[in-house]
Amino acid sequence: MGFTFKNDWWKFLGLALIMYSVIAGFLIKVPDLDMIHQSIRNLFFHVVMWFSMMVMFIIGVISSIRYLSAFDMKFDRLAAQAVNIGLLFGMLGIVTGMEWAKFTWGTPWTNDPQLNGAAVTILAYFAYLVLRSSLDEDQKRARIAAVYNIFAFVLLIVFIGILPRIANNSLHPAAGGNASTMATLDNSLRIVFYPAIIGWILIGCWIIQIRLRLADVRHRLLEMGD
């Protein structure tokens, strides 16, 4: 089936928002803030990746919960693909964050609670993929992976959402007593930042849809081969 605007408008919207945020992110006039200066433009990439990652992992954990309640394999497949795309966004978030840290703090990595928490969380989700690949029986893999996915999401909340905010030595905004940049975000940044979040989330959902269809095709081919 080809593209139809009626059914695929959100995909076009996602592409348009990403194009807008990338172009505007480099061209708009941004406030000259202490220490970060023009690197504030990385807000449109680094922070957006983390927001998108969170949404993908939320989709993943909800799908795992739905699998455990219905034992429908479509939810297991959705959870797996959501985690895959969440990890992609997470790795992009780490890479862009390291570049920002190198400019702002003088080093790509510091002993920062939020950085360390992000690393632990990413490793926990990579372990989810390793766990899935180590189990052969479909239903057994789906059950164990669903339980682990819920556990990994709890780790995410603890290591990214809670611990950095109660730490006293975090360099990140909104952590360790630092002022939140989200609450004081300049309007010139908001008009790019929020569309970028929406755009990347929509594209993430589109990629999940594509990967689910490819997985379905592979599954049918295997059934035909048997």
C-alpha atoms as a PDB file:
ATOM      1  CA  MET A   1       0.000   0.000   0.000  1.00  0.00           C
ATOM      2  CA  GLY A   2       1.206   3.489  -0.825  1.00  0.00           C
ATOM      3  CA  PHE A   3       1.066   6.585   1.278  1.00  0.00           C
ATOM      4  CA  THR A   4      -2.290   8.250   1.767  1.00  0.00           C
ATOM      5  CA  PHE A   5      -2.577  11.514   3.627  1.00  0.00           C
ATOM      6  CA  LYS A   6      -5.769  10.352   5.334  1.00  0.00           C
ATOM      7  CA  ASN A   7      -4.015   7.466   7.074  1.00  0.00           C
ATOM      8  CA  ASP A   8      -0.424   8.683   7.157  1.00  0.00           C
ATOM      9  CA  TRP A   9      -0.771  12.388   7.967  1.00  0.00           C
ATOM     10  CA  TRP A  10       1.081  11.928  11.240  1.00  0.00           C
ATOM     11  CA  LYS A  11       4.124  10.611   9.366  1.00  0.00           C
ATOM     12  CA  PHE A  12       4.207  13.679   7.137  1.00  0.00           C
ATOM     13  CA  LEU A  13       3.739  15.836  10.227  1.00  0.00           C
ATOM     14  CA  GLY A  14       6.656  14.113  11.948  1.00  0.00           C
ATOM     15  CA  LEU A  15       8.945  14.661   8.966  1.00  0.00           C
ATOM     16  CA  ALA A  16       7.871  18.290   8.648  1.00  0.00           C
ATOM     17  CA  LEU A  17       8.443  18.995  12.342  1.00  0.00           C
ATOM     18  CA  ILE A  18      11.900  17.420  12.280  1.00  0.00           C
ATOM     19  CA  MET A  19      12.892  19.385   9.180  1.00  0.00           C
ATOM     20  CA  TYR A  20      11.608  22.563  10.808  1.00  0.00           C
ATOM     21  CA  SER A  21      13.385  21.907  14.108  1.00  0.00           C
ATOM     22  CA  VAL A  22      16.716  21.081  12.460  1.00  0.00           C
ATOM     23  CA  ILE A  23      16.691  24.135  10.193  1.00  0.00           C
ATOM     24  CA  ALA A  24      15.331  26.505  12.833  1.00  0.00           C
ATOM     25  CA  GLY A  25      17.617  24.989  15.444  1.00  0.00           C
ATOM     26  CA  PHE A  26      20.638  26.207  13.533  1.00  0.00           C
ATOM     27  CA  LEU A  27      19.244  29.496  12.263  1.00  0.00           C
ATOM     28  CA  ILE A  28      17.122  31.113  14.981  1.00  0.00           C
ATOM     29  CA  LYS A  29      18.567  33.656  17.361  1.00  0.00           C
ATOM     30  CA  VAL A  30      19.077  32.066  20.782  1.00  0.00           C
ATOM     31  CA  PRO A  31      19.696  33.728  24.168  1.00  0.00           C
ATOM     32  CA  ASP A  32      23.367  34.053  25.110  1.00  0.00           C
ATOM     33  CA  LEU A  33      23.450  32.135  28.388  1.00  0.00           C
ATOM     34  CA  ASP A  34      26.437  31.878  30.711  1.00  0.00           C
ATOM     35  CA  MET A  35      28.783  28.954  30.039  1.00  0.00           C
ATOM     36  CA  ILE A  36      26.718  27.294  27.308  1.00  0.00           C
ATOM     37  CA  HIS A  37      26.335  30.253  24.887  1.00  0.00           C
ATOM     38  CA  GLN A  38      25.517  29.010  21.346  1.00  0.00           C
ATOM     39  CA  SER A  39      25.684  25.377  22.454  1.00  0.00           C
ATOM     40  CA  ILE A  40      22.156  25.892  23.827  1.00  0.00           C
ATOM     41  CA  ARG A  41      21.110  24.840  20.317  1.00  0.00           C
ATOM     42  CA  ASN A  42      21.922  21.285  21.363  1.00  0.00           C
ATOM     43  CA  LEU A  43      18.762  21.499  23.470  1.00  0.00           C
ATOM     44  CA  PHE A  44      16.865  20.788  20.241  1.00  0.00           C
ATOM     45  CA  PHE A  45      18.776  17.531  19.763  1.00  0.00           C
ATOM     46  CA  HIS A  46      20.167  16.179  23.048  1.00  0.00           C
ATOM     47  CA  VAL A  47      17.200  16.823  25.342  1.00  0.00           C
ATOM     48  CA  VAL A  48      14.720  15.944  22.596  1.00  0.00           C
ATOM     49  CA  MET A  49      16.356  12.519  22.232  1.00  0.00           C
ATOM     50  CA  TRP A  50      15.801  11.822  25.929  1.00  0.00           C
ATOM     51  CA  PHE A  51      12.143  12.849  25.764  1.00  0.00           C
ATOM     52  CA  SER A  52      11.652  10.607  22.724  1.00  0.00           C
ATOM     53  CA  MET A  53      13.474   7.748  24.450  1.00  0.00           C
ATOM     54  CA  MET A  54      11.182   8.057  27.458  1.00  0.00           C
ATOM     55  CA  VAL A  55       8.061   7.859  25.291  1.00  0.00           C
ATOM     56  CA  MET A  56       9.381   4.765  23.489  1.00  0.00           C
ATOM     57  CA  PHE A  57      10.157   3.053  26.799  1.00  0.00           C
ATOM     58  CA  ILE A  58       6.710   3.990  28.117  1.00  0.00           C
ATOM     59  CA  ILE A  59       5.159   2.379  25.032  1.00  0.00           C
ATOM     60  CA  GLY A  60       7.356  -0.638  25.707  1.00  0.00           C
ATOM     61  CA  VAL A  61       6.421  -1.092  29.353  1.00  0.00           C
ATOM     62  CA  ILE A  62       2.695  -0.570  28.667  1.00  0.00           C
ATOM     63  CA  SER A  63       2.915  -3.217  25.931  1.00  0.00           C
ATOM     64  CA  SER A  64       4.650  -5.621  28.328  1.00  0.00           C
ATOM     65  CA  ILE A  65       1.933  -5.090  30.932  1.00  0.00           C
ATOM     66  CA  ARG A  66      -0.743  -5.679  28.292  1.00  0.00           C
ATOM     67  CA  TYR A  67       1.020  -8.867  27.220  1.00  0.00           C
ATOM     68  CA  LEU A  68       1.030 -10.182  30.796  1.00  0.00           C
ATOM     69  CA  SER A  69      -2.700  -9.476  31.046  1.00  0.00           C
ATOM     70  CA  ALA A  70      -3.736 -10.883  27.654  1.00  0.00           C
ATOM     71  CA  PHE A  71      -0.797 -13.110  26.560  1.00  0.00           C
ATOM     72  CA  ASP A  72      -1.163 -11.731  23.043  1.00  0.00           C
ATOM     73  CA  MET A  73       2.130 -11.954  21.158  1.00  0.00           C
ATOM     74  CA  LYS A  74       1.468  -8.716  19.286  1.00  0.00           C
ATOM     75  CA  PHE A  75       2.109  -6.831  22.535  1.00  0.00           C
ATOM     76  CA  ASP A  76       5.385  -8.677  23.035  1.00  0.00           C
ATOM     77  CA  ARG A  77       6.519  -7.708  19.541  1.00  0.00           C
ATOM     78  CA  LEU A  78       5.465  -4.099  20.114  1.00  0.00           C
ATOM     79  CA  ALA A  79       7.364  -3.987  23.418  1.00  0.00           C
ATOM     80  CA  ALA A  80      10.522  -5.329  21.782  1.00  0.00           C
ATOM     81  CA  GLN A  81      10.442  -2.822  18.935  1.00  0.00           C
ATOM     82  CA  ALA A  82       9.673   0.086  21.260  1.00  0.00           C
ATOM     83  CA  VAL A  83      12.706  -0.802  23.384  1.00  0.00           C
ATOM     84  CA  ASN A  84      14.871  -1.028  20.263  1.00  0.00           C
ATOM     85  CA  ILE A  85      13.896   2.460  19.131  1.00  0.00           C
ATOM     86  CA  GLY A  86      14.114   3.770  22.684  1.00  0.00           C
ATOM     87  CA  LEU A  87      17.703   2.540  22.845  1.00  0.00           C
ATOM     88  CA  LEU A  88      18.444   4.242  19.533  1.00  0.00           C
ATOM     89  CA  PHE A  89      17.194   7.550  20.910  1.00  0.00           C
ATOM     90  CA  GLY A  90      19.034   6.912  24.172  1.00  0.00           C
ATOM     91  CA  MET A  91      22.357   6.343  22.431  1.00  0.00           C
ATOM     92  CA  LEU A  92      21.850   9.480  20.333  1.00  0.00           C
ATOM     93  CA  GLY A  93      21.069  11.322  23.564  1.00  0.00           C
ATOM     94  CA  ILE A  94      24.300  10.117  25.153  1.00  0.00           C
ATOM     95  CA  VAL A  95      26.420  11.026  22.117  1.00  0.00           C
ATOM     96  CA  THR A  96      24.939  14.520  21.796  1.00  0.00           C
ATOM     97  CA  GLY A  97      25.174  14.937  25.564  1.00  0.00           C
ATOM     98  CA  MET A  98      28.863  14.018  25.582  1.00  0.00           C
ATOM     99  CA  GLU A  99      29.550  16.637  22.928  1.00  0.00           C
ATOM    100  CA  TRP A 100      27.651  19.234  24.940  1.00  0.00           C
ATOM    101  CA  ALA A 101      29.457  18.248  28.148  1.00  0.00           C
ATOM    102  CA  LYS A 102      32.826  18.511  26.411  1.00  0.00           C
ATOM    103  CA  PHE A 103      32.049  22.098  25.425  1.00  0.00           C
ATOM    104  CA  THR A 104      30.410  23.151  28.694  1.00  0.00           C
ATOM    105  CA  TRP A 105      32.242  21.155  31.367  1.00  0.00           C
ATOM    106  CA  GLY A 106      35.514  20.525  29.540  1.00  0.00           C
ATOM    107  CA  THR A 107      35.118  16.742  29.476  1.00  0.00           C
ATOM    108  CA  PRO A 108      32.671  14.410  27.702  1.00  0.00           C
ATOM    109  CA  TRP A 109      31.926  12.495  30.911  1.00  0.00           C
ATOM    110  CA  THR A 110      31.950  13.409  34.585  1.00  0.00           C
ATOM    111  CA  ASN A 111      30.982  11.595  37.768  1.00  0.00           C
ATOM    112  CA  ASP A 112      27.492  13.062  37.508  1.00  0.00           C
ATOM    113  CA  PRO A 113      24.502  11.183  38.970  1.00  0.00           C
ATOM    114  CA  GLN A 114      22.360  11.793  35.896  1.00  0.00           C
ATOM    115  CA  LEU A 115      25.075  10.683  33.472  1.00  0.00           C
ATOM    116  CA  ASN A 116      25.817   7.564  35.499  1.00  0.00           C
ATOM    117  CA  GLY A 117      22.104   6.867  35.882  1.00  0.00           C
ATOM    118  CA  ALA A 118      21.604   7.175  32.135  1.00  0.00           C
ATOM    119  CA  ALA A 119      24.440   4.714  31.520  1.00  0.00           C
ATOM    120  CA  VAL A 120      22.977   2.184  33.973  1.00  0.00           C
ATOM    121  CA  THR A 121      19.542   2.537  32.376  1.00  0.00           C
ATOM    122  CA  ILE A 122      20.848   2.044  28.839  1.00  0.00           C
ATOM    123  CA  LEU A 123      22.795  -1.036  29.937  1.00  0.00           C
ATOM    124  CA  ALA A 124      19.676  -2.416  31.629  1.00  0.00           C
ATOM    125  CA  TYR A 125      17.720  -2.112  28.395  1.00  0.00           C
ATOM    126  CA  PHE A 126      20.539  -3.655  26.367  1.00  0.00           C
ATOM    127  CA  ALA A 127      20.326  -6.574  28.800  1.00  0.00           C
ATOM    128  CA  TYR A 128      16.629  -6.831  27.858  1.00  0.00           C
ATOM    129  CA  LEU A 129      17.613  -7.440  24.233  1.00  0.00           C
ATOM    130  CA  VAL A 130      20.279  -9.964  25.259  1.00  0.00           C
ATOM    131  CA  LEU A 131      17.703 -11.769  27.396  1.00  0.00           C
ATOM    132  CA  ARG A 132      15.276 -11.975  24.489  1.00  0.00           C
ATOM    133  CA  SER A 133      17.918 -13.349  22.145  1.00  0.00           C
ATOM    134  CA  SER A 134      18.928 -16.037  24.658  1.00  0.00           C
ATOM    135  CA  LEU A 135      15.467 -17.631  24.824  1.00  0.00           C
ATOM    136  CA  ASP A 136      14.062 -19.736  21.991  1.00  0.00           C
ATOM    137  CA  GLU A 137      10.503 -20.598  23.009  1.00  0.00           C
ATOM    138  CA  ASP A 138       8.201 -17.712  22.064  1.00  0.00           C
ATOM    139  CA  GLN A 139       5.801 -17.663  25.011  1.00  0.00           C
ATOM    140  CA  LYS A 140       8.538 -18.216  27.580  1.00  0.00           C
ATOM    141  CA  ARG A 141      10.627 -15.438  26.038  1.00  0.00           C
ATOM    142  CA  ALA A 142       7.658 -13.101  25.965  1.00  0.00           C
ATOM    143  CA  ARG A 143       6.750 -13.705  29.627  1.00  0.00           C
ATOM    144  CA  ILE A 144      10.274 -13.338  31.002  1.00  0.00           C
ATOM    145  CA  ALA A 145      11.028 -10.341  28.778  1.00  0.00           C
ATOM    146  CA  ALA A 146       7.808  -8.610  29.835  1.00  0.00           C
ATOM    147  CA  VAL A 147       8.639  -8.968  33.521  1.00  0.00           C
ATOM    148  CA  TYR A 148      12.190  -7.768  32.942  1.00  0.00           C
ATOM    149  CA  ASN A 149      10.966  -4.812  30.869  1.00  0.00           C
ATOM    150  CA  ILE A 150       8.847  -3.643  33.794  1.00  0.00           C
ATOM    151  CA  PHE A 151      11.880  -3.990  36.071  1.00  0.00           C
ATOM    152  CA  ALA A 152      14.033  -2.005  33.613  1.00  0.00           C
ATOM    153  CA  PHE A 153      11.458   0.780  33.508  1.00  0.00           C
ATOM    154  CA  VAL A 154      11.484   0.996  37.294  1.00  0.00           C
ATOM    155  CA  LEU A 155      15.277   1.336  37.119  1.00  0.00           C
ATOM    156  CA  LEU A 156      14.825   4.140  34.590  1.00  0.00           C
ATOM    157  CA  ILE A 157      12.516   6.044  36.937  1.00  0.00           C
ATOM    158  CA  VAL A 158      14.916   5.607  39.844  1.00  0.00           C
ATOM    159  CA  PHE A 159      18.210   6.347  38.077  1.00  0.00           C
ATOM    160  CA  ILE A 160      17.025   9.121  35.762  1.00  0.00           C
ATOM    161  CA  GLY A 161      13.951  10.533  37.465  1.00  0.00           C
ATOM    162  CA  ILE A 162      14.606  10.308  41.203  1.00  0.00           C
ATOM    163  CA  LEU A 163      18.268   9.956  42.203  1.00  0.00           C
ATOM    164  CA  PRO A 164      19.601  12.908  40.143  1.00  0.00           C
ATOM    165  CA  ARG A 165      17.028  15.205  41.765  1.00  0.00           C
ATOM    166  CA  ILE A 166      18.002  14.307  45.304  1.00  0.00           C
ATOM    167  CA  ALA A 167      21.742  14.317  44.621  1.00  0.00           C
ATOM    168  CA  ASN A 168      23.763  17.312  45.736  1.00  0.00           C
ATOM    169  CA  ASN A 169      26.522  17.098  43.154  1.00  0.00           C
ATOM    170  CA  SER A 170      24.721  16.946  39.804  1.00  0.00           C
ATOM    171  CA  LEU A 171      25.677  19.448  37.123  1.00  0.00           C
ATOM    172  CA  HIS A 172      22.468  18.938  35.183  1.00  0.00           C
ATOM    173  CA  PRO A 173      19.615  21.468  35.297  1.00  0.00           C
ATOM    174  CA  ALA A 174      16.642  20.430  37.455  1.00  0.00           C
ATOM    175  CA  ALA A 175      18.910  18.097  39.414  1.00  0.00           C
ATOM    176  CA  GLY A 176      20.693  18.500  42.703  1.00  0.00           C
ATOM    177  CA  GLY A 177      18.970  21.773  43.448  1.00  0.00           C
ATOM    178  CA  ASN A 178      19.830  23.404  40.119  1.00  0.00           C
ATOM    179  CA  ALA A 179      17.158  25.531  38.494  1.00  0.00           C
ATOM    180  CA  SER A 180      15.106  23.808  35.839  1.00  0.00           C
ATOM    181  CA  THR A 181      15.707  25.029  32.312  1.00  0.00           C
ATOM    182  CA  MET A 182      12.261  23.738  31.317  1.00  0.00           C
ATOM    183  CA  ALA A 183      10.544  26.149  33.688  1.00  0.00           C
ATOM    184  CA  THR A 184      12.635  29.112  32.562  1.00  0.00           C
ATOM    185  CA  LEU A 185      12.915  28.201  28.886  1.00  0.00           C
ATOM    186  CA  ASP A 186      12.980  31.233  26.617  1.00  0.00           C
ATOM    187  CA  ASN A 187      10.075  31.470  24.147  1.00  0.00           C
ATOM    188  CA  SER A 188      12.517  31.572  21.239  1.00  0.00           C
ATOM    189  CA  LEU A 189      13.638  28.092  22.312  1.00  0.00           C
ATOM    190  CA  ARG A 190      10.156  26.744  23.019  1.00  0.00           C
ATOM    191  CA  ILE A 191       8.969  27.306  19.441  1.00  0.00           C
ATOM    192  CA  VAL A 192      11.609  24.841  18.249  1.00  0.00           C
ATOM    193  CA  PHE A 193      11.998  22.570  21.269  1.00  0.00           C
ATOM    194  CA  TYR A 194       8.396  21.359  21.570  1.00  0.00           C
ATOM    195  CA  PRO A 195       7.841  20.735  17.838  1.00  0.00           C
ATOM    196  CA  ALA A 196      11.120  18.788  17.797  1.00  0.00           C
ATOM    197  CA  ILE A 197       9.894  16.516  20.598  1.00  0.00           C
ATOM    198  CA  ILE A 198       6.615  15.832  18.798  1.00  0.00           C
ATOM    199  CA  GLY A 199       8.379  15.253  15.481  1.00  0.00           C
ATOM    200  CA  TRP A 200      10.901  12.733  16.789  1.00  0.00           C
ATOM    201  CA  ILE A 201       8.259  10.858  18.784  1.00  0.00           C
ATOM    202  CA  LEU A 202       6.111  10.529  15.650  1.00  0.00           C
ATOM    203  CA  ILE A 203       9.096   9.314  13.633  1.00  0.00           C
ATOM    204  CA  GLY A 204       9.931   6.849  16.401  1.00  0.00           C
ATOM    205  CA  CYS A 205       6.398   5.460  16.191  1.00  0.00           C
ATOM    206  CA  TRP A 206       6.721   5.253  12.411  1.00  0.00           C
ATOM    207  CA  ILE A 207       9.960   3.265  12.692  1.00  0.00           C
ATOM    208  CA  ILE A 208       8.280   0.920  15.174  1.00  0.00           C
ATOM    209  CA  GLN A 209       5.441   0.391  12.695  1.00  0.00           C
ATOM    210  CA  ILE A 210       7.894  -0.413   9.892  1.00  0.00           C
ATOM    211  CA  ARG A 211       9.869  -2.850  12.053  1.00  0.00           C
ATOM    212  CA  LEU A 212       6.673  -4.593  13.173  1.00  0.00           C
ATOM    213  CA  ARG A 213       5.607  -5.086   9.564  1.00  0.00           C
ATOM    214  CA  LEU A 214       9.033  -6.454   8.626  1.00  0.00           C
ATOM    215  CA  ALA A 215       8.934  -8.822  11.603  1.00  0.00           C
ATOM    216  CA  ASP A 216       5.474  -9.989  10.529  1.00  0.00           C
ATOM    217  CA  VAL A 217       6.728 -10.677   7.003  1.00  0.00           C
ATOM    218  CA  ARG A 218       9.688 -12.674   8.356  1.00  0.00           C
ATOM    219  CA  HIS A 219       7.359 -14.653  10.631  1.00  0.00           C
ATOM    220  CA  ARG A 220       5.059 -15.535   7.736  1.00  0.00           C
ATOM    221  CA  LEU A 221       8.003 -16.582   5.553  1.00  0.00           C
ATOM    222  CA  LEU A 222       9.254 -18.866   8.319  1.00  0.00           C
ATOM    223  CA  GLU A 223       5.790 -20.416   8.640  1.00  0.00           C
ATOM    224  CA  MET A 224       5.691 -21.007   4.882  1.00  0.00           C
ATOM    225  CA  GLY A 225       9.122 -22.624   5.067  1.00  0.00           C
ATOM    226  CA  ASP A 226       7.944 -25.003   7.766  1.00  0.00           C
END
